[in-house]
Amino acid sequence: MKNPFSEFYHVPNSKELLDIAFRRAMKSSTQVSKNAPILIKAKKKESKRIKVAIEELIERILKIIKSVPIIDELPDFYKELASLLVDIDKLKLTLGKINGILPILSQIERDHSKQLNRIENPKEGDKIRRAAFGRISSILRKQNKNLEYLNNIRGKLREIPSIDYSLPCIVVAGYPNVGKSSLVKNISTNKKIEVQEYPFTTKQIIMGHIEIDRKFDKIKIQCLDTPGILDRPMSKRNNIELQAILALRLISDLIIFIFDPTPACGYSIDSQIELFYEIKNSFSRDGKIKIFVVLNKMDLTSQSEISYLKERLDLNDNDYIMTNALTGENLDILSSLIKSKYGKEELF
């Protein structure tokens, strides 16, 4: 699913809206017989100007409102992410306030059209149109803070990654430098790896896709490496990052946790084990999410390091996969396990 806020474009401030509406209004023309009395021409001309200005404003304001999806109707994943970035209640209130001026603008058009119908001097028409424009300007300027607020938050909401919550999703976890990105790139059949900004970290999502042929169809699986989110202990995360983890939980079907048993990544094996259990407890949801354990950098790992990990994690030989994500060694085994999980037969 595409980010539901991707159509949330630039929101003009009140001055920009008024300039556009009044400029178009003053350029508008109405069809009146050349032989019509000057008074009739004045009524028609000024009535048309007021009508065009208000129609332009209503159209543009409705476009702003409709560009923001209805939050309560969003999938839980996007609703959760949006709530991390902005105050949802304030967003709803702001949209409501802006929507509330539409009937007022329509009433201005009706009121001043009636006044124009009663004028007896052509010059009065210009005066009434100016009064209408003044009321319109006053109403729009009072909404300027709301318009600027919407424009300020739109950038944040448009940064939410376009993750298809309807597709199966594999999340790759583990400390930095253990080989997560290399693994995602190597197991993805789609080699055009997508890199997306994530609004909860200064780093980026690495996303690849895996396509699996089944008996009657194909299934596409998303594979995500989320640096800055699942690569350090919970105690070192802020509230936004903790909630981001909850959002990822909503779309995760499988966790691939990568260990580097060697000192090469810069993090001790005990620290990696602690992170493993934290993520397992956060994502397992009563055992509904499977975790594949990968021991990477097999070319550098000693037997004693492997034995220590097996003992601490209570692993049998069939409970983990030894890989070299950089060269791709044994990643075919991991790919086979993934295909078995999402294909016709379930191994787990």
Protein backbone atom coordinates (compact mmCIF):
# COMPACT_ATOMS: atom_id res chain seq x y z
CA MET A 1 0.00 0.00 0.00
CA LYS A 2 1.25 3.42 -0.92
CA ASN A 3 1.73 5.85 1.93
CA PRO A 4 -1.83 7.19 2.42
CA PHE A 5 -0.38 10.67 3.03
CA SER A 6 1.51 10.77 -0.27
CA GLU A 7 -1.18 13.04 -1.80
CA PHE A 8 -0.91 15.51 1.10
CA TYR A 9 0.68 18.28 -0.94
CA HIS A 10 1.71 21.85 -0.14
CA VAL A 11 -0.93 23.75 1.84
CA PRO A 12 -1.08 27.44 0.85
CA ASN A 13 -1.27 30.02 3.62
CA SER A 14 -4.16 32.49 3.80
CA LYS A 15 -2.37 35.16 1.74
CA GLU A 16 -1.59 32.70 -1.05
CA LEU A 17 -5.19 31.47 -1.14
CA LEU A 18 -6.61 34.99 -1.16
CA ASP A 19 -4.20 36.17 -3.86
CA ILE A 20 -5.17 33.25 -6.11
CA ALA A 21 -8.91 33.65 -5.53
CA PHE A 22 -9.05 37.43 -5.92
CA ARG A 23 -6.77 37.45 -8.96
CA ARG A 24 -8.97 34.93 -10.72
CA ALA A 25 -12.10 36.78 -9.64
CA MET A 26 -10.92 40.10 -11.05
CA LYS A 27 -10.05 38.45 -14.36
CA SER A 28 -13.44 36.78 -14.64
CA SER A 29 -16.05 38.09 -17.01
CA THR A 30 -19.77 37.59 -17.37
CA GLN A 31 -21.85 37.57 -20.50
CA VAL A 32 -24.12 40.57 -20.60
CA SER A 33 -25.72 42.14 -23.65
CA LYS A 34 -23.86 45.19 -24.89
CA ASN A 35 -27.13 47.03 -24.86
CA ALA A 36 -27.89 46.17 -21.23
CA PRO A 37 -28.11 49.11 -18.82
CA ILE A 38 -24.93 50.01 -16.94
CA LEU A 39 -26.62 49.12 -13.64
CA ILE A 40 -27.36 45.57 -14.84
CA LYS A 41 -23.79 45.20 -16.07
CA ALA A 42 -22.42 46.33 -12.71
CA LYS A 43 -24.63 43.88 -10.82
CA LYS A 44 -23.63 40.97 -13.04
CA LYS A 45 -19.93 41.82 -13.05
CA GLU A 46 -19.53 42.20 -9.30
CA SER A 47 -21.77 39.23 -8.53
CA LYS A 48 -19.63 37.08 -10.81
CA ARG A 49 -16.42 38.29 -9.12
CA ILE A 50 -17.71 37.40 -5.65
CA LYS A 51 -18.96 34.04 -6.88
CA VAL A 52 -15.65 33.14 -8.60
CA ALA A 53 -13.55 34.15 -5.57
CA ILE A 54 -15.62 32.08 -3.16
CA GLU A 55 -15.85 29.07 -5.48
CA GLU A 56 -12.08 29.12 -5.93
CA LEU A 57 -11.50 29.23 -2.17
CA ILE A 58 -14.02 26.48 -1.42
CA GLU A 59 -12.55 24.26 -4.13
CA ARG A 60 -8.99 24.70 -2.87
CA ILE A 61 -9.94 24.25 0.80
CA LEU A 62 -11.86 21.07 0.00
CA LYS A 63 -8.83 19.81 -1.92
CA ILE A 64 -6.67 20.39 1.18
CA ILE A 65 -9.14 18.56 3.43
CA LYS A 66 -9.54 15.62 1.03
CA SER A 67 -5.76 15.27 0.65
CA VAL A 68 -5.60 14.16 4.30
CA PRO A 69 -6.92 10.61 4.68
CA ILE A 70 -9.48 9.86 7.38
CA ILE A 71 -7.20 8.73 10.20
CA ASP A 72 -9.71 6.37 11.82
CA GLU A 73 -10.14 4.49 8.54
CA LEU A 74 -6.41 3.83 8.05
CA PRO A 75 -4.88 0.39 8.67
CA ASP A 76 -3.50 0.09 12.21
CA PHE A 77 0.09 0.20 10.92
CA TYR A 78 -0.29 3.62 9.28
CA LYS A 79 -2.50 4.93 12.07
CA GLU A 80 0.20 4.01 14.59
CA LEU A 81 2.98 5.62 12.58
CA ALA A 82 0.97 8.80 12.00
CA SER A 83 0.28 9.11 15.72
CA LEU A 84 4.03 9.02 16.39
CA LEU A 85 4.66 12.03 14.21
CA VAL A 86 1.73 14.34 14.85
CA ASP A 87 -0.99 14.98 17.39
CA ILE A 88 -3.89 13.20 15.68
CA ASP A 89 -6.54 14.96 17.77
CA LYS A 90 -5.07 18.34 16.86
CA LEU A 91 -4.97 17.34 13.19
CA LYS A 92 -8.66 16.37 13.26
CA LEU A 93 -9.56 19.59 15.09
CA THR A 94 -7.61 21.71 12.60
CA LEU A 95 -9.31 20.09 9.61
CA GLY A 96 -12.66 20.61 11.30
CA LYS A 97 -11.99 24.31 11.83
CA ILE A 98 -11.00 24.81 8.21
CA ASN A 99 -13.99 22.84 6.99
CA GLY A 100 -16.19 25.01 9.20
CA ILE A 101 -15.57 28.17 7.18
CA LEU A 102 -17.02 26.71 3.96
CA PRO A 103 -20.69 27.37 4.81
CA ILE A 104 -19.71 30.83 6.03
CA LEU A 105 -18.12 31.61 2.66
CA SER A 106 -21.22 30.36 0.88
CA GLN A 107 -23.37 32.58 3.08
CA ILE A 108 -21.23 35.60 2.20
CA GLU A 109 -21.92 34.98 -1.47
CA ARG A 110 -25.67 34.77 -0.87
CA ASP A 111 -25.74 37.88 1.36
CA HIS A 112 -23.83 40.08 -1.04
CA SER A 113 -25.68 38.81 -4.10
CA LYS A 114 -28.91 40.00 -2.46
CA GLN A 115 -27.33 43.36 -1.72
CA LEU A 116 -26.19 43.69 -5.33
CA ASN A 117 -29.71 43.02 -6.57
CA ARG A 118 -30.92 46.04 -4.59
CA ILE A 119 -28.37 48.64 -5.71
CA GLU A 120 -29.54 51.68 -7.64
CA ASN A 121 -26.15 53.11 -8.60
CA PRO A 122 -23.43 51.19 -10.53
CA LYS A 123 -20.75 52.48 -8.16
CA GLU A 124 -22.44 50.72 -5.26
CA GLY A 125 -21.61 47.39 -6.90
CA ASP A 126 -17.87 47.94 -6.54
CA LYS A 127 -18.37 48.96 -2.91
CA ILE A 128 -20.35 45.80 -2.10
CA ARG A 129 -17.78 43.56 -3.83
CA ARG A 130 -14.98 45.20 -1.84
CA ALA A 131 -16.95 44.62 1.38
CA ALA A 132 -17.39 40.96 0.43
CA PHE A 133 -13.70 40.58 -0.28
CA GLY A 134 -12.98 42.19 3.08
CA ARG A 135 -15.13 39.67 4.95
CA ILE A 136 -13.58 36.82 3.00
CA SER A 137 -10.08 38.08 3.82
CA SER A 138 -10.90 38.38 7.51
CA ILE A 139 -12.20 34.81 7.68
CA LEU A 140 -9.23 33.34 5.81
CA ARG A 141 -6.64 35.24 7.86
CA LYS A 142 -8.11 33.81 11.05
CA GLN A 143 -7.36 30.35 9.62
CA ASN A 144 -3.74 31.14 8.75
CA LYS A 145 -2.29 29.35 11.79
CA ASN A 146 -4.31 26.25 10.95
CA LEU A 147 -3.17 26.32 7.33
CA GLU A 148 0.46 26.76 8.35
CA TYR A 149 0.14 23.93 10.88
CA LEU A 150 -1.12 21.57 8.17
CA ASN A 151 1.71 22.54 5.86
CA ASN A 152 4.27 22.01 8.63
CA ILE A 153 3.10 18.48 9.45
CA ARG A 154 2.56 17.32 5.87
CA GLY A 155 6.29 16.77 5.33
CA LYS A 156 6.49 14.43 8.31
CA LEU A 157 3.46 12.39 7.27
CA ARG A 158 4.66 12.08 3.67
CA GLU A 159 7.90 10.53 4.96
CA ILE A 160 6.09 7.48 6.32
CA PRO A 161 7.45 4.52 4.32
CA SER A 162 5.22 2.93 1.71
CA ILE A 163 5.09 -0.51 3.24
CA ASP A 164 2.29 -2.73 2.01
CA TYR A 165 0.66 -3.95 5.21
CA SER A 166 -1.35 -6.48 3.17
CA LEU A 167 1.80 -8.35 2.09
CA PRO A 168 3.81 -10.68 4.33
CA CYS A 169 6.72 -8.87 5.93
CA ILE A 170 10.07 -10.15 7.16
CA VAL A 171 11.90 -7.86 9.57
CA VAL A 172 15.67 -8.28 9.88
CA ALA A 173 17.08 -7.43 13.31
CA GLY A 174 20.44 -7.40 15.06
CA TYR A 175 23.16 -4.99 16.10
CA PRO A 176 24.85 -2.71 13.53
CA ASN A 177 27.58 -4.24 11.37
CA VAL A 178 26.38 -7.83 11.77
CA GLY A 179 25.45 -8.09 8.07
CA LYS A 180 21.74 -7.20 7.97
CA SER A 181 21.81 -5.05 4.83
CA SER A 182 23.98 -7.52 2.96
CA LEU A 183 21.59 -10.31 3.83
CA VAL A 184 18.52 -8.36 2.67
CA LYS A 185 20.19 -7.49 -0.62
CA ASN A 186 21.34 -11.06 -1.25
CA ILE A 187 18.13 -12.93 -0.46
CA SER A 188 15.90 -10.54 -2.40
CA THR A 189 14.98 -11.74 -5.86
CA ASN A 190 14.23 -8.12 -6.69
CA LYS A 191 17.75 -6.72 -6.86
CA LYS A 192 16.52 -3.17 -7.20
CA ILE A 193 16.72 -2.56 -3.50
CA GLU A 194 14.49 0.25 -2.30
CA VAL A 195 15.94 2.65 0.23
CA GLN A 196 13.43 4.83 2.08
CA GLU A 197 13.76 7.56 4.66
CA TYR A 198 12.28 6.56 8.00
CA PRO A 199 10.89 9.45 10.03
CA PHE A 200 11.95 7.96 13.37
CA THR A 201 15.67 7.80 12.68
CA THR A 202 18.32 9.65 10.71
CA LYS A 203 19.07 6.41 8.87
CA GLN A 204 17.14 4.59 6.17
CA ILE A 205 15.04 1.52 5.61
CA ILE A 206 16.51 -1.09 3.31
CA MET A 207 13.66 -2.93 1.62
CA GLY A 208 13.85 -5.83 -0.79
CA HIS A 209 11.21 -8.19 -2.11
CA ILE A 210 11.14 -11.95 -2.38
CA GLU A 211 8.80 -13.61 -4.87
CA ILE A 212 7.75 -17.19 -4.20
CA ASP A 213 5.97 -19.43 -6.71
CA ARG A 214 3.15 -21.41 -5.21
CA LYS A 215 0.94 -24.03 -6.80
CA PHE A 216 -1.64 -21.63 -8.17
CA ASP A 217 -0.12 -18.21 -7.68
CA LYS A 218 2.86 -16.11 -6.65
CA ILE A 219 3.36 -14.41 -3.33
CA LYS A 220 5.44 -11.31 -2.81
CA ILE A 221 7.17 -10.81 0.52
CA GLN A 222 8.71 -7.61 1.87
CA CYS A 223 12.05 -7.90 3.61
CA LEU A 224 13.05 -4.96 5.81
CA ASP A 225 16.22 -3.87 7.52
CA THR A 226 15.33 -0.97 9.84
CA PRO A 227 18.52 0.63 11.12
CA GLY A 228 18.03 2.82 14.15
CA ILE A 229 15.00 0.83 15.28
CA LEU A 230 15.89 -2.79 15.96
CA ASP A 231 19.62 -2.52 16.55
CA ARG A 232 20.04 -1.57 20.20
CA PRO A 233 18.55 -2.33 23.62
CA MET A 234 15.09 -1.11 24.57
CA SER A 235 16.51 0.82 27.52
CA LYS A 236 18.35 3.11 25.09
CA ARG A 237 15.29 3.98 23.01
CA ASN A 238 13.07 7.01 23.28
CA ASN A 239 9.28 6.80 23.34
CA ILE A 240 8.94 7.39 19.61
CA GLU A 241 11.29 4.52 18.79
CA LEU A 242 9.49 2.21 21.20
CA GLN A 243 6.18 3.02 19.53
CA ALA A 244 7.77 2.54 16.12
CA ILE A 245 8.65 -0.99 17.20
CA LEU A 246 5.00 -1.54 18.11
CA ALA A 247 4.04 -0.31 14.63
CA LEU A 248 6.46 -2.77 13.00
CA ARG A 249 4.92 -5.53 15.11
CA LEU A 250 1.63 -4.95 13.32
CA ILE A 251 3.03 -6.03 9.95
CA SER A 252 5.71 -8.57 10.90
CA ASP A 253 5.28 -12.22 10.00
CA LEU A 254 8.85 -13.36 10.52
CA ILE A 255 11.93 -12.03 12.30
CA ILE A 256 15.40 -12.89 11.05
CA PHE A 257 17.79 -12.13 13.88
CA ILE A 258 21.45 -11.99 12.84
CA PHE A 259 24.30 -12.65 15.27
CA ASP A 260 27.94 -11.89 14.66
CA PRO A 261 29.66 -14.33 17.03
CA THR A 262 33.02 -12.66 16.38
CA PRO A 263 34.25 -9.36 17.89
CA ALA A 264 34.24 -7.85 14.37
CA CYS A 265 30.95 -5.94 14.67
CA GLY A 266 32.07 -4.14 17.81
CA TYR A 267 29.33 -5.49 20.09
CA SER A 268 29.78 -8.31 22.59
CA ILE A 269 27.93 -11.55 22.08
CA ASP A 270 26.22 -11.10 25.46
CA SER A 271 24.84 -7.74 24.32
CA GLN A 272 23.57 -9.36 21.14
CA ILE A 273 21.89 -12.12 23.12
CA GLU A 274 20.18 -9.56 25.34
CA LEU A 275 18.87 -7.71 22.28
CA PHE A 276 17.66 -11.00 20.80
CA TYR A 277 15.51 -11.77 23.83
CA GLU A 278 14.16 -8.21 23.98
CA ILE A 279 13.05 -8.36 20.35
CA LYS A 280 11.71 -11.88 20.77
CA ASN A 281 9.59 -10.76 23.72
CA SER A 282 8.43 -7.62 21.88
CA PHE A 283 7.52 -9.31 18.60
CA SER A 284 6.64 -12.89 19.46
CA ARG A 285 2.95 -12.15 20.25
CA ASP A 286 2.31 -15.51 21.93
CA GLY A 287 4.57 -17.33 19.51
CA LYS A 288 2.71 -16.21 16.39
CA ILE A 289 5.80 -14.64 14.84
CA LYS A 290 8.57 -17.08 14.01
CA ILE A 291 12.23 -16.09 14.54
CA PHE A 292 14.99 -17.45 12.34
CA VAL A 293 18.41 -17.32 13.99
CA VAL A 294 21.33 -16.58 11.65
CA LEU A 295 24.97 -16.80 12.73
CA ASN A 296 26.80 -14.63 10.22
CA LYS A 297 30.48 -14.31 9.29
CA MET A 298 30.94 -18.06 9.37
CA ASP A 299 34.39 -17.69 7.81
CA LEU A 300 35.62 -15.81 10.89
CA THR A 301 33.68 -17.61 13.62
CA SER A 302 35.41 -20.11 15.89
CA GLN A 303 33.82 -23.31 17.16
CA SER A 304 34.00 -22.04 20.73
CA GLU A 305 32.05 -18.92 19.80
CA ILE A 306 29.38 -21.04 18.13
CA SER A 307 29.18 -23.37 21.13
CA TYR A 308 28.79 -20.44 23.52
CA LEU A 309 25.89 -19.04 21.49
CA LYS A 310 24.19 -22.43 21.22
CA GLU A 311 24.42 -22.92 24.95
CA ARG A 312 23.14 -19.43 25.84
CA LEU A 313 20.25 -19.63 23.38
CA ASP A 314 19.55 -23.34 23.96
CA LEU A 315 19.91 -24.08 20.26
CA ASN A 316 20.13 -27.43 18.50
CA ASP A 317 22.02 -27.76 15.22
CA ASN A 318 18.77 -27.38 13.26
CA ASP A 319 17.76 -24.21 15.10
CA TYR A 320 20.13 -21.82 13.35
CA ILE A 321 21.84 -21.15 10.02
CA MET A 322 25.51 -20.36 9.54
CA THR A 323 26.01 -17.80 6.75
CA ASN A 324 28.35 -15.37 5.11
CA ALA A 325 26.00 -12.60 4.01
CA LEU A 326 28.79 -10.77 2.22
CA THR A 327 29.60 -13.65 -0.14
CA GLY A 328 26.15 -15.22 -0.07
CA GLU A 329 27.33 -18.53 1.36
CA ASN A 330 24.45 -20.62 2.78
CA LEU A 331 21.91 -17.91 2.04
CA ASP A 332 20.26 -20.39 -0.31
CA ILE A 333 19.41 -22.44 2.79
CA LEU A 334 17.80 -19.40 4.39
CA SER A 335 15.90 -18.64 1.18
CA SER A 336 14.63 -22.22 1.07
CA LEU A 337 13.35 -21.95 4.63
CA ILE A 338 11.58 -18.70 3.79
CA LYS A 339 10.01 -20.26 0.70
CA SER A 340 8.90 -23.25 2.75
CA LYS A 341 7.28 -20.99 5.33
CA TYR A 342 5.33 -18.94 2.81
CA GLY A 343 4.90 -21.59 0.14
CA LYS A 344 2.67 -24.64 -0.03
CA GLU A 345 4.32 -26.53 2.79
CA GLU A 346 4.94 -25.25 6.30
CA LEU A 347 8.13 -26.49 7.92
CA PHE A 348 7.50 -24.72 11.18
